[in-house]
Amino acid sequence: MASYDKSDTVRLEVATPRDATKLLKFISAYYRFDRIPLDRKALALALSLLLENQALGRAFFIRTRGRVVGYMILTFGFDLEFGGRQATVTDFYINSGHRRKGVGREALMQVETFCRECSVKAIELQVTGKNARALIFYKSCGFEAYDRIPMSKRLDLFPCGSEP
């Protein structure tokens, strides 16, 4: 695994294609925690694409004291509103025993540094409105909510012109 290290206690490691199985275990835990439906086959295929093509983004393991305790998925996009290249944290998960100890804050700080070095102008993430702790945490890290409602359309399920 390649390393992206800015701290003695928390370190992000860039996942490689060889790490897919290990990463899938963390992703499954996150999906269970956040009650996200899991299509393992589709997820494995998408993860493979991400791990093979760094132009799409990065998958990071979050390591502290020599142990992997979570992961983060960061994907790249472009948004005129924010001045160009932007990144989206699509997944951010830390095992329960390591939460509320500064690990997440340090991981986000390291991702911000990484993004600045990649000429990213803004970082976006999503959080459910019911997750009060996460909302407070993200606000304390400088994220702000915009008066928008994120909407998605699954193109594999609803072709153009069809209604869900």
N, C-alpha and C. Protein backbone atom coordinates (compact mmCIF):
# COMPACT_ATOMS: atom_id res chain seq x y z
N MET A 1 0.83 -1.18 0.00
CA MET A 1 0.00 0.00 0.00
C MET A 1 0.87 1.24 0.00
N ALA A 2 0.53 2.22 -0.82
CA ALA A 2 1.21 3.50 -0.81
C ALA A 2 0.73 4.29 0.40
N SER A 3 1.57 5.15 0.94
CA SER A 3 1.20 5.92 2.12
C SER A 3 1.05 7.39 1.81
N TYR A 4 0.14 8.03 2.53
CA TYR A 4 0.02 9.47 2.52
C TYR A 4 0.01 9.85 3.98
N ASP A 5 1.14 10.27 4.52
CA ASP A 5 1.34 10.38 5.96
C ASP A 5 1.66 11.81 6.36
N LYS A 6 0.83 12.40 7.22
CA LYS A 6 1.09 13.73 7.76
C LYS A 6 1.00 13.73 9.28
N SER A 7 0.86 12.59 9.90
CA SER A 7 0.67 12.53 11.34
C SER A 7 1.33 11.28 11.90
N ASP A 8 1.76 11.38 13.15
CA ASP A 8 2.35 10.21 13.80
C ASP A 8 1.29 9.21 14.24
N THR A 9 0.07 9.67 14.48
CA THR A 9 -0.92 8.78 15.05
C THR A 9 -1.97 8.29 14.05
N VAL A 10 -2.27 9.09 13.05
CA VAL A 10 -3.26 8.70 12.04
C VAL A 10 -2.60 8.83 10.69
N ARG A 11 -2.79 7.81 9.87
CA ARG A 11 -2.16 7.82 8.55
C ARG A 11 -3.15 7.30 7.53
N LEU A 12 -3.21 7.96 6.39
CA LEU A 12 -4.00 7.46 5.27
C LEU A 12 -3.08 6.66 4.37
N GLU A 13 -3.57 5.51 3.93
CA GLU A 13 -2.83 4.68 2.99
C GLU A 13 -3.70 4.50 1.75
N VAL A 14 -3.14 4.80 0.61
CA VAL A 14 -3.87 4.63 -0.64
C VAL A 14 -4.03 3.15 -0.92
N ALA A 15 -5.26 2.72 -1.10
CA ALA A 15 -5.54 1.31 -1.41
C ALA A 15 -5.19 1.04 -2.87
N THR A 16 -4.75 -0.16 -3.13
CA THR A 16 -4.39 -0.60 -4.47
C THR A 16 -5.34 -1.73 -4.88
N PRO A 17 -5.30 -2.15 -6.14
CA PRO A 17 -6.17 -3.27 -6.54
C PRO A 17 -5.99 -4.53 -5.69
N ARG A 18 -4.80 -4.73 -5.15
CA ARG A 18 -4.57 -5.90 -4.29
C ARG A 18 -5.34 -5.82 -2.96
N ASP A 19 -5.81 -4.62 -2.62
CA ASP A 19 -6.50 -4.41 -1.35
C ASP A 19 -8.02 -4.53 -1.44
N ALA A 20 -8.53 -4.89 -2.60
CA ALA A 20 -9.98 -4.87 -2.83
C ALA A 20 -10.75 -5.70 -1.81
N THR A 21 -10.31 -6.90 -1.53
CA THR A 21 -11.03 -7.78 -0.60
C THR A 21 -11.08 -7.18 0.80
N LYS A 22 -9.96 -6.69 1.25
CA LYS A 22 -9.90 -6.05 2.57
C LYS A 22 -10.80 -4.82 2.62
N LEU A 23 -10.77 -4.02 1.57
CA LEU A 23 -11.59 -2.82 1.51
C LEU A 23 -13.07 -3.17 1.47
N LEU A 24 -13.43 -4.22 0.75
CA LEU A 24 -14.83 -4.64 0.69
C LEU A 24 -15.39 -5.00 2.06
N LYS A 25 -14.56 -5.54 2.94
CA LYS A 25 -15.02 -5.85 4.30
C LYS A 25 -15.40 -4.57 5.05
N PHE A 26 -14.58 -3.53 4.90
CA PHE A 26 -14.90 -2.26 5.55
C PHE A 26 -16.14 -1.62 4.92
N ILE A 27 -16.24 -1.69 3.60
CA ILE A 27 -17.39 -1.11 2.91
C ILE A 27 -18.67 -1.82 3.37
N SER A 28 -18.63 -3.13 3.49
CA SER A 28 -19.80 -3.89 3.97
C SER A 28 -20.20 -3.45 5.37
N ALA A 29 -19.22 -3.22 6.24
CA ALA A 29 -19.51 -2.76 7.61
C ALA A 29 -20.16 -1.38 7.58
N TYR A 30 -19.65 -0.49 6.73
CA TYR A 30 -20.23 0.85 6.61
C TYR A 30 -21.66 0.77 6.07
N TYR A 31 -21.88 -0.02 5.06
CA TYR A 31 -23.22 -0.14 4.48
C TYR A 31 -24.21 -0.69 5.50
N ARG A 32 -23.78 -1.66 6.32
CA ARG A 32 -24.64 -2.17 7.40
C ARG A 32 -24.96 -1.05 8.40
N PHE A 33 -23.92 -0.31 8.80
CA PHE A 33 -24.07 0.76 9.77
C PHE A 33 -25.05 1.83 9.28
N ASP A 34 -24.92 2.23 8.02
CA ASP A 34 -25.74 3.31 7.47
C ASP A 34 -26.99 2.80 6.74
N ARG A 35 -27.21 1.48 6.81
CA ARG A 35 -28.39 0.84 6.20
C ARG A 35 -28.49 1.14 4.70
N ILE A 36 -27.38 1.00 4.01
CA ILE A 36 -27.31 1.18 2.56
C ILE A 36 -27.43 -0.20 1.93
N PRO A 37 -28.33 -0.36 0.98
CA PRO A 37 -28.45 -1.66 0.31
C PRO A 37 -27.12 -2.03 -0.36
N LEU A 38 -26.76 -3.29 -0.24
CA LEU A 38 -25.46 -3.75 -0.74
C LEU A 38 -25.65 -4.74 -1.89
N ASP A 39 -25.19 -4.36 -3.05
CA ASP A 39 -25.12 -5.25 -4.21
C ASP A 39 -23.64 -5.57 -4.38
N ARG A 40 -23.20 -6.65 -3.76
CA ARG A 40 -21.77 -6.98 -3.68
C ARG A 40 -21.10 -7.05 -5.06
N LYS A 41 -21.78 -7.63 -6.04
CA LYS A 41 -21.20 -7.77 -7.37
C LYS A 41 -20.97 -6.40 -8.02
N ALA A 42 -21.99 -5.54 -7.98
CA ALA A 42 -21.87 -4.20 -8.57
C ALA A 42 -20.83 -3.37 -7.81
N LEU A 43 -20.83 -3.50 -6.49
CA LEU A 43 -19.87 -2.77 -5.67
C LEU A 43 -18.44 -3.20 -5.98
N ALA A 44 -18.21 -4.50 -6.10
CA ALA A 44 -16.86 -5.00 -6.39
C ALA A 44 -16.39 -4.51 -7.76
N LEU A 45 -17.27 -4.48 -8.73
CA LEU A 45 -16.91 -3.99 -10.06
C LEU A 45 -16.55 -2.50 -10.02
N ALA A 46 -17.38 -1.70 -9.37
CA ALA A 46 -17.12 -0.26 -9.26
C ALA A 46 -15.83 0.00 -8.49
N LEU A 47 -15.62 -0.74 -7.41
CA LEU A 47 -14.40 -0.57 -6.63
C LEU A 47 -13.17 -0.90 -7.46
N SER A 48 -13.26 -1.95 -8.24
CA SER A 48 -12.16 -2.33 -9.12
C SER A 48 -11.82 -1.19 -10.09
N LEU A 49 -12.84 -0.58 -10.67
CA LEU A 49 -12.62 0.55 -11.58
C LEU A 49 -11.91 1.70 -10.87
N LEU A 50 -12.35 2.01 -9.65
CA LEU A 50 -11.73 3.10 -8.89
C LEU A 50 -10.28 2.78 -8.56
N LEU A 51 -10.03 1.57 -8.08
CA LEU A 51 -8.67 1.20 -7.68
C LEU A 51 -7.71 1.14 -8.86
N GLU A 52 -8.23 0.86 -10.05
CA GLU A 52 -7.39 0.77 -11.25
C GLU A 52 -7.15 2.12 -11.92
N ASN A 53 -7.98 3.12 -11.63
CA ASN A 53 -7.90 4.39 -12.34
C ASN A 53 -7.89 5.56 -11.37
N GLN A 54 -6.71 6.07 -11.04
CA GLN A 54 -6.60 7.14 -10.06
C GLN A 54 -7.16 8.47 -10.56
N ALA A 55 -7.48 8.59 -11.83
CA ALA A 55 -8.14 9.81 -12.32
C ALA A 55 -9.55 9.91 -11.75
N LEU A 56 -10.12 8.79 -11.35
CA LEU A 56 -11.47 8.77 -10.78
C LEU A 56 -11.49 9.19 -9.32
N GLY A 57 -10.42 8.94 -8.60
CA GLY A 57 -10.36 9.25 -7.18
C GLY A 57 -9.42 8.31 -6.47
N ARG A 58 -9.58 8.21 -5.15
CA ARG A 58 -8.74 7.34 -4.34
C ARG A 58 -9.59 6.65 -3.29
N ALA A 59 -9.14 5.48 -2.92
CA ALA A 59 -9.66 4.77 -1.76
C ALA A 59 -8.52 4.78 -0.74
N PHE A 60 -8.83 5.21 0.46
CA PHE A 60 -7.82 5.28 1.52
C PHE A 60 -8.21 4.35 2.67
N PHE A 61 -7.23 3.66 3.20
CA PHE A 61 -7.40 3.02 4.50
C PHE A 61 -7.00 4.05 5.54
N ILE A 62 -7.69 4.05 6.67
CA ILE A 62 -7.34 4.92 7.79
C ILE A 62 -6.66 4.04 8.82
N ARG A 63 -5.42 4.38 9.11
CA ARG A 63 -4.61 3.55 10.00
C ARG A 63 -4.21 4.38 11.22
N THR A 64 -4.29 3.77 12.38
CA THR A 64 -3.80 4.40 13.60
C THR A 64 -3.13 3.35 14.46
N ARG A 65 -2.00 3.70 15.01
CA ARG A 65 -1.23 2.80 15.87
C ARG A 65 -1.01 1.43 15.23
N GLY A 66 -0.73 1.46 13.93
CA GLY A 66 -0.40 0.24 13.21
C GLY A 66 -1.57 -0.60 12.75
N ARG A 67 -2.80 -0.17 13.03
CA ARG A 67 -3.98 -0.96 12.67
C ARG A 67 -4.88 -0.16 11.73
N VAL A 68 -5.45 -0.84 10.76
CA VAL A 68 -6.45 -0.22 9.90
C VAL A 68 -7.76 -0.17 10.68
N VAL A 69 -8.31 1.04 10.85
CA VAL A 69 -9.52 1.21 11.65
C VAL A 69 -10.68 1.78 10.84
N GLY A 70 -10.46 2.03 9.55
CA GLY A 70 -11.53 2.57 8.73
C GLY A 70 -11.06 2.80 7.31
N TYR A 71 -11.92 3.48 6.57
CA TYR A 71 -11.58 3.78 5.17
C TYR A 71 -12.33 5.03 4.73
N MET A 72 -11.87 5.58 3.61
CA MET A 72 -12.52 6.73 3.00
C MET A 72 -12.40 6.58 1.48
N ILE A 73 -13.49 6.88 0.79
CA ILE A 73 -13.49 6.90 -0.67
C ILE A 73 -13.65 8.36 -1.09
N LEU A 74 -12.75 8.82 -1.95
CA LEU A 74 -12.77 10.18 -2.46
C LEU A 74 -12.81 10.10 -3.98
N THR A 75 -13.81 10.73 -4.59
CA THR A 75 -13.90 10.73 -6.04
C THR A 75 -13.78 12.15 -6.56
N PHE A 76 -13.32 12.29 -7.80
CA PHE A 76 -13.11 13.60 -8.39
C PHE A 76 -14.22 13.97 -9.35
N GLY A 77 -14.54 15.25 -9.39
CA GLY A 77 -15.51 15.80 -10.31
C GLY A 77 -15.11 17.23 -10.65
N PHE A 78 -16.04 17.96 -11.19
CA PHE A 78 -15.79 19.34 -11.60
C PHE A 78 -17.06 20.14 -11.34
N ASP A 79 -16.92 21.33 -10.74
CA ASP A 79 -18.08 22.16 -10.43
C ASP A 79 -17.71 23.62 -10.62
N LEU A 80 -18.39 24.29 -11.53
CA LEU A 80 -18.10 25.70 -11.79
C LEU A 80 -18.32 26.56 -10.55
N GLU A 81 -19.34 26.25 -9.77
CA GLU A 81 -19.66 27.03 -8.58
C GLU A 81 -18.47 27.14 -7.63
N PHE A 82 -17.69 26.09 -7.54
CA PHE A 82 -16.56 26.07 -6.61
C PHE A 82 -15.23 26.35 -7.29
N GLY A 83 -15.26 26.71 -8.55
CA GLY A 83 -14.04 27.14 -9.21
C GLY A 83 -13.27 26.05 -9.93
N GLY A 84 -13.89 24.91 -10.17
CA GLY A 84 -13.20 23.88 -10.94
C GLY A 84 -13.29 22.51 -10.31
N ARG A 85 -12.14 21.90 -10.22
CA ARG A 85 -12.08 20.51 -9.75
C ARG A 85 -12.58 20.42 -8.31
N GLN A 86 -13.45 19.45 -8.07
CA GLN A 86 -13.94 19.21 -6.72
C GLN A 86 -13.85 17.73 -6.43
N ALA A 87 -13.90 17.41 -5.16
CA ALA A 87 -13.85 16.01 -4.74
C ALA A 87 -15.06 15.73 -3.86
N THR A 88 -15.50 14.49 -3.90
CA THR A 88 -16.62 14.06 -3.06
C THR A 88 -16.16 12.90 -2.19
N VAL A 89 -16.37 13.04 -0.90
CA VAL A 89 -16.15 11.92 0.02
C VAL A 89 -17.44 11.11 -0.06
N THR A 90 -17.37 9.98 -0.76
CA THR A 90 -18.58 9.17 -0.93
C THR A 90 -18.76 8.18 0.21
N ASP A 91 -17.68 7.74 0.80
CA ASP A 91 -17.72 6.82 1.94
C ASP A 91 -16.70 7.31 2.96
N PHE A 92 -17.09 7.27 4.24
CA PHE A 92 -16.17 7.62 5.32
C PHE A 92 -16.62 6.81 6.53
N TYR A 93 -15.81 5.83 6.90
CA TYR A 93 -16.21 4.92 7.96
C TYR A 93 -15.02 4.64 8.87
N ILE A 94 -15.29 4.71 10.17
CA ILE A 94 -14.29 4.35 11.19
C ILE A 94 -14.96 3.37 12.14
N ASN A 95 -14.26 2.29 12.45
CA ASN A 95 -14.80 1.29 13.40
C ASN A 95 -15.24 1.98 14.68
N SER A 96 -16.31 1.48 15.28
CA SER A 96 -16.93 2.15 16.43
C SER A 96 -15.96 2.40 17.59
N GLY A 97 -15.04 1.51 17.85
CA GLY A 97 -14.12 1.69 18.97
C GLY A 97 -13.10 2.80 18.77
N HIS A 98 -13.04 3.36 17.57
CA HIS A 98 -12.06 4.41 17.28
C HIS A 98 -12.71 5.75 16.98
N ARG A 99 -14.03 5.83 17.14
CA ARG A 99 -14.74 7.08 16.90
C ARG A 99 -14.62 8.00 18.10
N ARG A 100 -14.77 9.29 17.82
CA ARG A 100 -14.76 10.33 18.87
C ARG A 100 -13.42 10.39 19.59
N LYS A 101 -12.34 10.07 18.86
CA LYS A 101 -10.99 10.12 19.44
C LYS A 101 -10.05 10.96 18.59
N GLY A 102 -10.60 11.68 17.61
CA GLY A 102 -9.78 12.53 16.76
C GLY A 102 -9.29 11.86 15.49
N VAL A 103 -9.58 10.58 15.32
CA VAL A 103 -9.11 9.85 14.13
C VAL A 103 -9.78 10.42 12.87
N GLY A 104 -11.10 10.60 12.92
CA GLY A 104 -11.83 11.11 11.77
C GLY A 104 -11.41 12.52 11.40
N ARG A 105 -11.23 13.37 12.40
CA ARG A 105 -10.81 14.75 12.14
C ARG A 105 -9.44 14.77 11.47
N GLU A 106 -8.52 13.98 11.98
CA GLU A 106 -7.17 13.94 11.39
C GLU A 106 -7.23 13.37 9.97
N ALA A 107 -8.05 12.35 9.76
CA ALA A 107 -8.18 11.78 8.41
C ALA A 107 -8.72 12.83 7.43
N LEU A 108 -9.73 13.60 7.86
CA LEU A 108 -10.27 14.65 6.99
C LEU A 108 -9.22 15.73 6.72
N MET A 109 -8.44 16.08 7.72
CA MET A 109 -7.38 17.08 7.51
C MET A 109 -6.37 16.58 6.49
N GLN A 110 -6.02 15.32 6.56
CA GLN A 110 -5.07 14.76 5.60
C GLN A 110 -5.67 14.70 4.20
N VAL A 111 -6.95 14.39 4.10
CA VAL A 111 -7.60 14.39 2.79
C VAL A 111 -7.65 15.80 2.23
N GLU A 112 -7.89 16.80 3.07
CA GLU A 112 -7.87 18.19 2.60
C GLU A 112 -6.49 18.55 2.04
N THR A 113 -5.45 18.16 2.73
CA THR A 113 -4.10 18.43 2.24
C THR A 113 -3.87 17.74 0.91
N PHE A 114 -4.26 16.48 0.82
CA PHE A 114 -4.14 15.73 -0.42
C PHE A 114 -4.89 16.46 -1.55
N CYS A 115 -6.11 16.90 -1.27
CA CYS A 115 -6.92 17.58 -2.29
C CYS A 115 -6.28 18.89 -2.73
N ARG A 116 -5.77 19.66 -1.81
CA ARG A 116 -5.10 20.91 -2.19
C ARG A 116 -3.92 20.61 -3.12
N GLU A 117 -3.17 19.57 -2.82
CA GLU A 117 -2.03 19.20 -3.66
C GLU A 117 -2.47 18.73 -5.04
N CYS A 118 -3.73 18.29 -5.17
CA CYS A 118 -4.28 17.84 -6.45
C CYS A 118 -5.10 18.95 -7.13
N SER A 119 -4.99 20.18 -6.65
CA SER A 119 -5.70 21.34 -7.20
C SER A 119 -7.22 21.23 -7.10
N VAL A 120 -7.69 20.54 -6.08
CA VAL A 120 -9.12 20.45 -5.81
C VAL A 120 -9.54 21.72 -5.08
N LYS A 121 -10.65 22.31 -5.51
CA LYS A 121 -11.13 23.59 -4.96
C LYS A 121 -12.15 23.43 -3.85
N ALA A 122 -12.84 22.29 -3.79
CA ALA A 122 -13.86 22.06 -2.77
C ALA A 122 -14.03 20.57 -2.54
N ILE A 123 -14.41 20.24 -1.31
CA ILE A 123 -14.74 18.86 -0.96
C ILE A 123 -16.20 18.83 -0.57
N GLU A 124 -16.88 17.83 -1.08
CA GLU A 124 -18.30 17.66 -0.79
C GLU A 124 -18.48 16.30 -0.12
N LEU A 125 -19.50 16.20 0.71
CA LEU A 125 -19.89 14.91 1.29
C LEU A 125 -21.37 14.95 1.57
N GLN A 126 -21.93 13.81 1.86
CA GLN A 126 -23.34 13.72 2.22
C GLN A 126 -23.45 13.05 3.57
N VAL A 127 -24.43 13.48 4.32
CA VAL A 127 -24.71 12.89 5.62
C VAL A 127 -26.22 12.86 5.79
N THR A 128 -26.73 11.81 6.39
CA THR A 128 -28.17 11.75 6.61
C THR A 128 -28.56 12.76 7.69
N GLY A 129 -29.72 13.36 7.50
CA GLY A 129 -30.19 14.36 8.45
C GLY A 129 -30.42 13.83 9.84
N LYS A 130 -30.59 12.52 9.96
CA LYS A 130 -30.83 11.90 11.27
C LYS A 130 -29.55 11.64 12.06
N ASN A 131 -28.40 11.75 11.40
CA ASN A 131 -27.13 11.44 12.05
C ASN A 131 -26.58 12.71 12.70
N ALA A 132 -27.14 13.07 13.85
CA ALA A 132 -26.81 14.32 14.53
C ALA A 132 -25.32 14.42 14.87
N ARG A 133 -24.73 13.35 15.33
CA ARG A 133 -23.30 13.38 15.67
C ARG A 133 -22.44 13.70 14.45
N ALA A 134 -22.76 13.07 13.33
CA ALA A 134 -22.00 13.32 12.11
C ALA A 134 -22.19 14.75 11.64
N LEU A 135 -23.42 15.27 11.72
CA LEU A 135 -23.67 16.66 11.32
C LEU A 135 -22.83 17.62 12.15
N ILE A 136 -22.82 17.43 13.44
CA ILE A 136 -22.03 18.28 14.33
C ILE A 136 -20.54 18.16 14.00
N PHE A 137 -20.08 16.93 13.80
CA PHE A 137 -18.67 16.69 13.48
C PHE A 137 -18.28 17.40 12.18
N TYR A 138 -19.05 17.19 11.12
CA TYR A 138 -18.71 17.79 9.82
C TYR A 138 -18.75 19.32 9.89
N LYS A 139 -19.72 19.88 10.60
CA LYS A 139 -19.77 21.34 10.76
C LYS A 139 -18.53 21.83 11.50
N SER A 140 -18.09 21.09 12.51
CA SER A 140 -16.91 21.51 13.26
C SER A 140 -15.63 21.41 12.43
N CYS A 141 -15.69 20.64 11.33
CA CYS A 141 -14.56 20.53 10.41
C CYS A 141 -14.65 21.53 9.26
N GLY A 142 -15.65 22.42 9.30
CA GLY A 142 -15.76 23.47 8.30
C GLY A 142 -16.72 23.20 7.15
N PHE A 143 -17.40 22.06 7.17
CA PHE A 143 -18.37 21.78 6.12
C PHE A 143 -19.66 22.54 6.43
N GLU A 144 -20.33 22.99 5.38
CA GLU A 144 -21.59 23.68 5.58
C GLU A 144 -22.64 23.11 4.64
N ALA A 145 -23.88 23.17 5.10
CA ALA A 145 -24.99 22.66 4.29
C ALA A 145 -25.46 23.77 3.35
N TYR A 146 -25.80 23.38 2.14
CA TYR A 146 -26.37 24.31 1.17
C TYR A 146 -27.84 24.00 1.05
N ASP A 147 -28.60 24.98 0.61
CA ASP A 147 -30.04 24.82 0.49
C ASP A 147 -30.36 24.05 -0.79
N ARG A 148 -29.96 22.79 -0.78
CA ARG A 148 -30.20 21.92 -1.91
C ARG A 148 -30.58 20.54 -1.39
N ILE A 149 -31.28 19.82 -2.19
CA ILE A 149 -31.61 18.45 -1.85
C ILE A 149 -30.90 17.57 -2.87
N PRO A 150 -29.96 16.73 -2.43
CA PRO A 150 -29.30 15.85 -3.40
C PRO A 150 -30.32 14.87 -3.98
N MET A 151 -30.26 14.71 -5.27
CA MET A 151 -31.14 13.76 -5.95
C MET A 151 -30.27 12.89 -6.85
N SER A 152 -30.63 11.63 -6.95
CA SER A 152 -29.88 10.70 -7.79
C SER A 152 -30.85 9.89 -8.62
N LYS A 153 -30.37 9.42 -9.74
CA LYS A 153 -31.15 8.52 -10.58
C LYS A 153 -30.25 7.36 -10.94
N ARG A 154 -30.68 6.15 -10.63
CA ARG A 154 -29.94 4.94 -10.96
C ARG A 154 -30.14 4.65 -12.43
N LEU A 155 -29.15 4.90 -13.25
CA LEU A 155 -29.27 4.71 -14.69
C LEU A 155 -29.39 3.25 -15.09
N ASP A 156 -28.86 2.37 -14.24
CA ASP A 156 -28.99 0.94 -14.55
C ASP A 156 -30.41 0.44 -14.28
N LEU A 157 -31.20 1.20 -13.52
CA LEU A 157 -32.55 0.78 -13.19
C LEU A 157 -33.63 1.52 -13.97
N PHE A 158 -33.37 2.79 -14.31
CA PHE A 158 -34.37 3.62 -14.96
C PHE A 158 -33.78 4.28 -16.21
N PRO A 159 -33.99 3.69 -17.38
CA PRO A 159 -33.49 4.30 -18.61
C PRO A 159 -34.13 5.68 -18.84
N CYS A 160 -33.48 6.50 -19.65
CA CYS A 160 -33.97 7.83 -19.98
C CYS A 160 -35.40 7.74 -20.48
N GLY A 161 -36.28 8.57 -19.93
CA GLY A 161 -37.67 8.61 -20.35
C GLY A 161 -38.59 7.70 -19.54
N SER A 162 -38.01 6.79 -18.75
CA SER A 162 -38.85 5.94 -17.92
C SER A 162 -39.00 6.58 -16.55
N GLU A 163 -40.05 6.24 -15.87
CA GLU A 163 -40.28 6.80 -14.54
C GLU A 163 -40.02 5.72 -13.50
N PRO A 164 -39.43 6.14 -12.39
CA PRO A 164 -39.22 5.17 -11.30
C PRO A 164 -40.52 4.70 -10.69
